[in-house]
Amino acid sequence: PYAELPVVEGDIFISIERVKENAEKFKVPFLKELQRVMVHGVLHLCGYGDKTVEEAKLIRQKENEALAIL
């Protein structure tokens, strides 16, 4: 096996059109926005939420930490 239990498993659906729109809206390169969306999806699979202000703040912090590594 490639991983020990517990294993994070799920699907992430990404709208390329939305990524393009957001990249233009926030004036960031398409690839950077795509990376952020991918990291955001993985964080949701790991149990992070973004429904409250506090959750959104934490998930954004975790996104930035992960993106700094890429």
PDB file of N, CA and C in Angstrom:
ATOM      1  N   PRO A   1       0.829  -1.202   0.000  1.00  0.00           N
ATOM      2  CA  PRO A   1       0.000   0.000   0.000  1.00  0.00           C
ATOM      3  C   PRO A   1       0.871   1.262   0.000  1.00  0.00           C
ATOM      4  N   TYR A   2       0.332   2.329  -0.599  1.00  0.00           N
ATOM      5  CA  TYR A   2       1.051   3.598  -0.666  1.00  0.00           C
ATOM      6  C   TYR A   2       0.859   4.449   0.578  1.00  0.00           C
ATOM      7  N   ALA A   3      -0.136   4.141   1.388  1.00  0.00           N
ATOM      8  CA  ALA A   3      -0.422   4.962   2.562  1.00  0.00           C
ATOM      9  C   ALA A   3      -0.963   4.095   3.683  1.00  0.00           C
ATOM     10  N   GLU A   4      -0.728   4.559   4.887  1.00  0.00           N
ATOM     11  CA  GLU A   4      -1.296   3.917   6.066  1.00  0.00           C
ATOM     12  C   GLU A   4      -2.648   4.570   6.347  1.00  0.00           C
ATOM     13  N   LEU A   5      -3.507   3.856   7.036  1.00  0.00           N
ATOM     14  CA  LEU A   5      -4.798   4.428   7.417  1.00  0.00           C
ATOM     15  C   LEU A   5      -4.595   5.496   8.471  1.00  0.00           C
ATOM     16  N   PRO A   6      -5.357   6.520   8.558  1.00  0.00           N
ATOM     17  CA  PRO A   6      -6.468   6.852   7.675  1.00  0.00           C
ATOM     18  C   PRO A   6      -5.978   7.473   6.365  1.00  0.00           C
ATOM     19  N   VAL A   7      -6.697   7.213   5.314  1.00  0.00           N
ATOM     20  CA  VAL A   7      -6.374   7.732   3.986  1.00  0.00           C
ATOM     21  C   VAL A   7      -7.380   8.826   3.636  1.00  0.00           C
ATOM     22  N   VAL A   8      -6.880   9.927   3.103  1.00  0.00           N
ATOM     23  CA  VAL A   8      -7.763  10.987   2.618  1.00  0.00           C
ATOM     24  C   VAL A   8      -8.184  10.617   1.209  1.00  0.00           C
ATOM     25  N   GLU A   9      -9.488  10.580   0.984  1.00  0.00           N
ATOM     26  CA  GLU A   9      -9.987  10.158  -0.319  1.00  0.00           C
ATOM     27  C   GLU A   9     -11.182  11.017  -0.701  1.00  0.00           C
ATOM     28  N   GLY A  10     -11.238  11.426  -1.943  1.00  0.00           N
ATOM     29  CA  GLY A  10     -12.367  12.221  -2.411  1.00  0.00           C
ATOM     30  C   GLY A  10     -12.109  12.750  -3.804  1.00  0.00           C
ATOM     31  N   ASP A  11     -13.045  13.526  -4.289  1.00  0.00           N
ATOM     32  CA  ASP A  11     -12.953  14.114  -5.624  1.00  0.00           C
ATOM     33  C   ASP A  11     -12.903  15.629  -5.506  1.00  0.00           C
ATOM     34  N   ILE A  12     -12.175  16.242  -6.414  1.00  0.00           N
ATOM     35  CA  ILE A  12     -12.123  17.698  -6.509  1.00  0.00           C
ATOM     36  C   ILE A  12     -12.533  18.052  -7.930  1.00  0.00           C
ATOM     37  N   PHE A  13     -13.565  18.860  -8.050  1.00  0.00           N
ATOM     38  CA  PHE A  13     -14.030  19.314  -9.362  1.00  0.00           C
ATOM     39  C   PHE A  13     -13.628  20.769  -9.532  1.00  0.00           C
ATOM     40  N   ILE A  14     -12.967  21.072 -10.636  1.00  0.00           N
ATOM     41  CA  ILE A  14     -12.474  22.425 -10.888  1.00  0.00           C
ATOM     42  C   ILE A  14     -13.053  22.928 -12.198  1.00  0.00           C
ATOM     43  N   SER A  15     -13.635  24.111 -12.147  1.00  0.00           N
ATOM     44  CA  SER A  15     -14.130  24.774 -13.350  1.00  0.00           C
ATOM     45  C   SER A  15     -13.000  25.632 -13.914  1.00  0.00           C
ATOM     46  N   ILE A  16     -12.455  25.207 -15.041  1.00  0.00           N
ATOM     47  CA  ILE A  16     -11.370  25.960 -15.673  1.00  0.00           C
ATOM     48  C   ILE A  16     -11.850  27.358 -16.052  1.00  0.00           C
ATOM     49  N   GLU A  17     -13.111  27.468 -16.469  1.00  0.00           N
ATOM     50  CA  GLU A  17     -13.663  28.779 -16.813  1.00  0.00           C
ATOM     51  C   GLU A  17     -13.662  29.700 -15.600  1.00  0.00           C
ATOM     52  N   ARG A  18     -14.042  29.156 -14.432  1.00  0.00           N
ATOM     53  CA  ARG A  18     -14.058  29.960 -13.205  1.00  0.00           C
ATOM     54  C   ARG A  18     -12.643  30.342 -12.793  1.00  0.00           C
ATOM     55  N   VAL A  19     -11.699  29.433 -12.960  1.00  0.00           N
ATOM     56  CA  VAL A  19     -10.303  29.742 -12.637  1.00  0.00           C
ATOM     57  C   VAL A  19      -9.821  30.893 -13.518  1.00  0.00           C
ATOM     58  N   LYS A  20     -10.143  30.848 -14.806  1.00  0.00           N
ATOM     59  CA  LYS A  20      -9.764  31.936 -15.721  1.00  0.00           C
ATOM     60  C   LYS A  20     -10.386  33.253 -15.284  1.00  0.00           C
ATOM     61  N   GLU A  21     -11.679  33.227 -14.952  1.00  0.00           N
ATOM     62  CA  GLU A  21     -12.375  34.434 -14.499  1.00  0.00           C
ATOM     63  C   GLU A  21     -11.732  34.998 -13.241  1.00  0.00           C
ATOM     64  N   ASN A  22     -11.464  34.126 -12.269  1.00  0.00           N
ATOM     65  CA  ASN A  22     -10.860  34.579 -11.015  1.00  0.00           C
ATOM     66  C   ASN A  22      -9.457  35.120 -11.224  1.00  0.00           C
ATOM     67  N   ALA A  23      -8.693  34.489 -12.097  1.00  0.00           N
ATOM     68  CA  ALA A  23      -7.337  34.972 -12.379  1.00  0.00           C
ATOM     69  C   ALA A  23      -7.392  36.392 -12.931  1.00  0.00           C
ATOM     70  N   GLU A  24      -8.327  36.638 -13.832  1.00  0.00           N
ATOM     71  CA  GLU A  24      -8.484  37.987 -14.385  1.00  0.00           C
ATOM     72  C   GLU A  24      -8.983  38.956 -13.320  1.00  0.00           C
ATOM     73  N   LYS A  25      -9.964  38.534 -12.556  1.00  0.00           N
ATOM     74  CA  LYS A  25     -10.558  39.385 -11.518  1.00  0.00           C
ATOM     75  C   LYS A  25      -9.529  39.806 -10.474  1.00  0.00           C
ATOM     76  N   PHE A  26      -8.703  38.854 -10.034  1.00  0.00           N
ATOM     77  CA  PHE A  26      -7.728  39.128  -8.981  1.00  0.00           C
ATOM     78  C   PHE A  26      -6.350  39.500  -9.525  1.00  0.00           C
ATOM     79  N   LYS A  27      -6.260  39.588 -10.865  1.00  0.00           N
ATOM     80  CA  LYS A  27      -5.021  39.995 -11.534  1.00  0.00           C
ATOM     81  C   LYS A  27      -3.826  39.130 -11.121  1.00  0.00           C
ATOM     82  N   VAL A  28      -4.038  37.818 -11.209  1.00  0.00           N
ATOM     83  CA  VAL A  28      -2.971  36.856 -10.931  1.00  0.00           C
ATOM     84  C   VAL A  28      -2.853  35.935 -12.137  1.00  0.00           C
ATOM     85  N   PRO A  29      -1.678  35.330 -12.334  1.00  0.00           N
ATOM     86  CA  PRO A  29      -1.537  34.386 -13.449  1.00  0.00           C
ATOM     87  C   PRO A  29      -2.485  33.193 -13.292  1.00  0.00           C
ATOM     88  N   PHE A  30      -2.939  32.674 -14.426  1.00  0.00           N
ATOM     89  CA  PHE A  30      -3.845  31.526 -14.432  1.00  0.00           C
ATOM     90  C   PHE A  30      -3.285  30.373 -13.604  1.00  0.00           C
ATOM     91  N   LEU A  31      -2.001  30.039 -13.786  1.00  0.00           N
ATOM     92  CA  LEU A  31      -1.401  28.911 -13.075  1.00  0.00           C
ATOM     93  C   LEU A  31      -1.451  29.117 -11.566  1.00  0.00           C
ATOM     94  N   LYS A  32      -1.187  30.329 -11.101  1.00  0.00           N
ATOM     95  CA  LYS A  32      -1.234  30.600  -9.656  1.00  0.00           C
ATOM     96  C   LYS A  32      -2.644  30.402  -9.109  1.00  0.00           C
ATOM     97  N   GLU A  33      -3.643  30.866  -9.854  1.00  0.00           N
ATOM     98  CA  GLU A  33      -5.029  30.691  -9.403  1.00  0.00           C
ATOM     99  C   GLU A  33      -5.420  29.217  -9.424  1.00  0.00           C
ATOM    100  N   LEU A  34      -4.986  28.492 -10.440  1.00  0.00           N
ATOM    101  CA  LEU A  34      -5.268  27.057 -10.504  1.00  0.00           C
ATOM    102  C   LEU A  34      -4.629  26.334  -9.320  1.00  0.00           C
ATOM    103  N   GLN A  35      -3.398  26.678  -8.992  1.00  0.00           N
ATOM    104  CA  GLN A  35      -2.736  26.063  -7.841  1.00  0.00           C
ATOM    105  C   GLN A  35      -3.505  26.355  -6.562  1.00  0.00           C
ATOM    106  N   ARG A  36      -3.965  27.592  -6.395  1.00  0.00           N
ATOM    107  CA  ARG A  36      -4.711  27.954  -5.188  1.00  0.00           C
ATOM    108  C   ARG A  36      -6.003  27.138  -5.092  1.00  0.00           C
ATOM    109  N   VAL A  37      -6.710  27.005  -6.201  1.00  0.00           N
ATOM    110  CA  VAL A  37      -7.963  26.243  -6.200  1.00  0.00           C
ATOM    111  C   VAL A  37      -7.693  24.772  -5.881  1.00  0.00           C
ATOM    112  N   MET A  38      -6.624  24.221  -6.433  1.00  0.00           N
ATOM    113  CA  MET A  38      -6.282  22.824  -6.159  1.00  0.00           C
ATOM    114  C   MET A  38      -5.937  22.624  -4.684  1.00  0.00           C
ATOM    115  N   VAL A  39      -5.121  23.512  -4.140  1.00  0.00           N
ATOM    116  CA  VAL A  39      -4.756  23.423  -2.721  1.00  0.00           C
ATOM    117  C   VAL A  39      -6.006  23.573  -1.856  1.00  0.00           C
ATOM    118  N   HIS A  40      -6.867  24.514  -2.218  1.00  0.00           N
ATOM    119  CA  HIS A  40      -8.109  24.740  -1.475  1.00  0.00           C
ATOM    120  C   HIS A  40      -8.946  23.457  -1.433  1.00  0.00           C
ATOM    121  N   GLY A  41      -9.051  22.785  -2.559  1.00  0.00           N
ATOM    122  CA  GLY A  41      -9.804  21.534  -2.620  1.00  0.00           C
ATOM    123  C   GLY A  41      -9.204  20.450  -1.745  1.00  0.00           C
ATOM    124  N   VAL A  42      -7.895  20.331  -1.765  1.00  0.00           N
ATOM    125  CA  VAL A  42      -7.220  19.330  -0.925  1.00  0.00           C
ATOM    126  C   VAL A  42      -7.450  19.646   0.552  1.00  0.00           C
ATOM    127  N   LEU A  43      -7.398  20.917   0.907  1.00  0.00           N
ATOM    128  CA  LEU A  43      -7.646  21.292   2.304  1.00  0.00           C
ATOM    129  C   LEU A  43      -9.068  20.924   2.732  1.00  0.00           C
ATOM    130  N   HIS A  44     -10.039  21.091   1.840  1.00  0.00           N
ATOM    131  CA  HIS A  44     -11.403  20.652   2.163  1.00  0.00           C
ATOM    132  C   HIS A  44     -11.427  19.145   2.403  1.00  0.00           C
ATOM    133  N   LEU A  45     -10.716  18.384   1.574  1.00  0.00           N
ATOM    134  CA  LEU A  45     -10.667  16.931   1.773  1.00  0.00           C
ATOM    135  C   LEU A  45     -10.036  16.570   3.111  1.00  0.00           C
ATOM    136  N   CYS A  46      -9.149  17.430   3.585  1.00  0.00           N
ATOM    137  CA  CYS A  46      -8.477  17.188   4.871  1.00  0.00           C
ATOM    138  C   CYS A  46      -9.307  17.673   6.057  1.00  0.00           C
ATOM    139  N   GLY A  47     -10.483  18.228   5.779  1.00  0.00           N
ATOM    140  CA  GLY A  47     -11.380  18.603   6.864  1.00  0.00           C
ATOM    141  C   GLY A  47     -11.498  20.086   7.148  1.00  0.00           C
ATOM    142  N   TYR A  48     -10.779  20.923   6.424  1.00  0.00           N
ATOM    143  CA  TYR A  48     -10.877  22.366   6.646  1.00  0.00           C
ATOM    144  C   TYR A  48     -12.139  22.900   5.978  1.00  0.00           C
ATOM    145  N   GLY A  49     -12.800  23.825   6.654  1.00  0.00           N
ATOM    146  CA  GLY A  49     -13.999  24.443   6.113  1.00  0.00           C
ATOM    147  C   GLY A  49     -13.745  25.903   5.788  1.00  0.00           C
ATOM    148  N   ASP A  50     -14.768  26.550   5.227  1.00  0.00           N
ATOM    149  CA  ASP A  50     -14.656  27.984   4.937  1.00  0.00           C
ATOM    150  C   ASP A  50     -16.015  28.671   5.034  1.00  0.00           C
ATOM    151  N   LYS A  51     -16.891  28.122   5.858  1.00  0.00           N
ATOM    152  CA  LYS A  51     -18.249  28.665   5.995  1.00  0.00           C
ATOM    153  C   LYS A  51     -18.310  29.872   6.929  1.00  0.00           C
ATOM    154  N   THR A  52     -17.415  29.932   7.904  1.00  0.00           N
ATOM    155  CA  THR A  52     -17.398  31.073   8.822  1.00  0.00           C
ATOM    156  C   THR A  52     -16.174  31.932   8.533  1.00  0.00           C
ATOM    157  N   VAL A  53     -16.168  33.135   9.073  1.00  0.00           N
ATOM    158  CA  VAL A  53     -15.030  34.039   8.888  1.00  0.00           C
ATOM    159  C   VAL A  53     -13.763  33.401   9.445  1.00  0.00           C
ATOM    160  N   GLU A  54     -13.880  32.773  10.607  1.00  0.00           N
ATOM    161  CA  GLU A  54     -12.716  32.141  11.234  1.00  0.00           C
ATOM    162  C   GLU A  54     -12.190  30.987  10.388  1.00  0.00           C
ATOM    163  N   GLU A  55     -13.099  30.157   9.879  1.00  0.00           N
ATOM    164  CA  GLU A  55     -12.691  29.039   9.025  1.00  0.00           C
ATOM    165  C   GLU A  55     -12.040  29.543   7.743  1.00  0.00           C
ATOM    166  N   ALA A  56     -12.630  30.569   7.148  1.00  0.00           N
ATOM    167  CA  ALA A  56     -12.091  31.122   5.901  1.00  0.00           C
ATOM    168  C   ALA A  56     -10.691  31.685   6.120  1.00  0.00           C
ATOM    169  N   LYS A  57     -10.496  32.314   7.254  1.00  0.00           N
ATOM    170  CA  LYS A  57      -9.179  32.870   7.589  1.00  0.00           C
ATOM    171  C   LYS A  57      -8.145  31.749   7.719  1.00  0.00           C
ATOM    172  N   LEU A  58      -8.525  30.677   8.403  1.00  0.00           N
ATOM    173  CA  LEU A  58      -7.611  29.556   8.617  1.00  0.00           C
ATOM    174  C   LEU A  58      -7.299  28.837   7.306  1.00  0.00           C
ATOM    175  N   ILE A  59      -8.312  28.576   6.485  1.00  0.00           N
ATOM    176  CA  ILE A  59      -8.055  27.857   5.237  1.00  0.00           C
ATOM    177  C   ILE A  59      -7.182  28.707   4.314  1.00  0.00           C
ATOM    178  N   ARG A  60      -7.372  30.030   4.315  1.00  0.00           N
ATOM    179  CA  ARG A  60      -6.531  30.911   3.490  1.00  0.00           C
ATOM    180  C   ARG A  60      -5.081  30.870   3.986  1.00  0.00           C
ATOM    181  N   GLN A  61      -4.901  30.840   5.301  1.00  0.00           N
ATOM    182  CA  GLN A  61      -3.556  30.737   5.871  1.00  0.00           C
ATOM    183  C   GLN A  61      -2.900  29.426   5.435  1.00  0.00           C
ATOM    184  N   LYS A  62      -3.646  28.335   5.507  1.00  0.00           N
ATOM    185  CA  LYS A  62      -3.115  27.029   5.103  1.00  0.00           C
ATOM    186  C   LYS A  62      -2.822  26.996   3.602  1.00  0.00           C
ATOM    187  N   GLU A  63      -3.678  27.644   2.797  1.00  0.00           N
ATOM    188  CA  GLU A  63      -3.418  27.746   1.353  1.00  0.00           C
ATOM    189  C   GLU A  63      -2.077  28.433   1.118  1.00  0.00           C
ATOM    190  N   ASN A  64      -1.884  29.565   1.783  1.00  0.00           N
ATOM    191  CA  ASN A  64      -0.648  30.327   1.593  1.00  0.00           C
ATOM    192  C   ASN A  64       0.583  29.530   2.013  1.00  0.00           C
ATOM    193  N   GLU A  65       0.467  28.769   3.096  1.00  0.00           N
ATOM    194  CA  GLU A  65       1.585  27.928   3.538  1.00  0.00           C
ATOM    195  C   GLU A  65       1.915  26.880   2.477  1.00  0.00           C
ATOM    196  N   ALA A  66       0.895  26.234   1.943  1.00  0.00           N
ATOM    197  CA  ALA A  66       1.114  25.198   0.926  1.00  0.00           C
ATOM    198  C   ALA A  66       1.658  25.805  -0.361  1.00  0.00           C
ATOM    199  N   LEU A  67       1.116  26.947  -0.773  1.00  0.00           N
ATOM    200  CA  LEU A  67       1.558  27.579  -2.018  1.00  0.00           C
ATOM    201  C   LEU A  67       2.998  28.067  -1.929  1.00  0.00           C
ATOM    202  N   ALA A  68       3.442  28.421  -0.733  1.00  0.00           N
ATOM    203  CA  ALA A  68       4.830  28.864  -0.557  1.00  0.00           C
ATOM    204  C   ALA A  68       5.808  27.728  -0.842  1.00  0.00           C
ATOM    205  N   ILE A  69       5.357  26.496  -0.692  1.00  0.00           N
ATOM    206  CA  ILE A  69       6.205  25.325  -0.938  1.00  0.00           C
ATOM    207  C   ILE A  69       6.300  25.017  -2.429  1.00  0.00           C
ATOM    208  N   LEU A  70       5.238  25.329  -3.186  1.00  0.00           N
ATOM    209  CA  LEU A  70       5.196  24.994  -4.620  1.00  0.00           C
ATOM    210  C   LEU A  70       6.121  25.871  -5.438  1.00  0.00           C
TER     211      LEU A  70
END
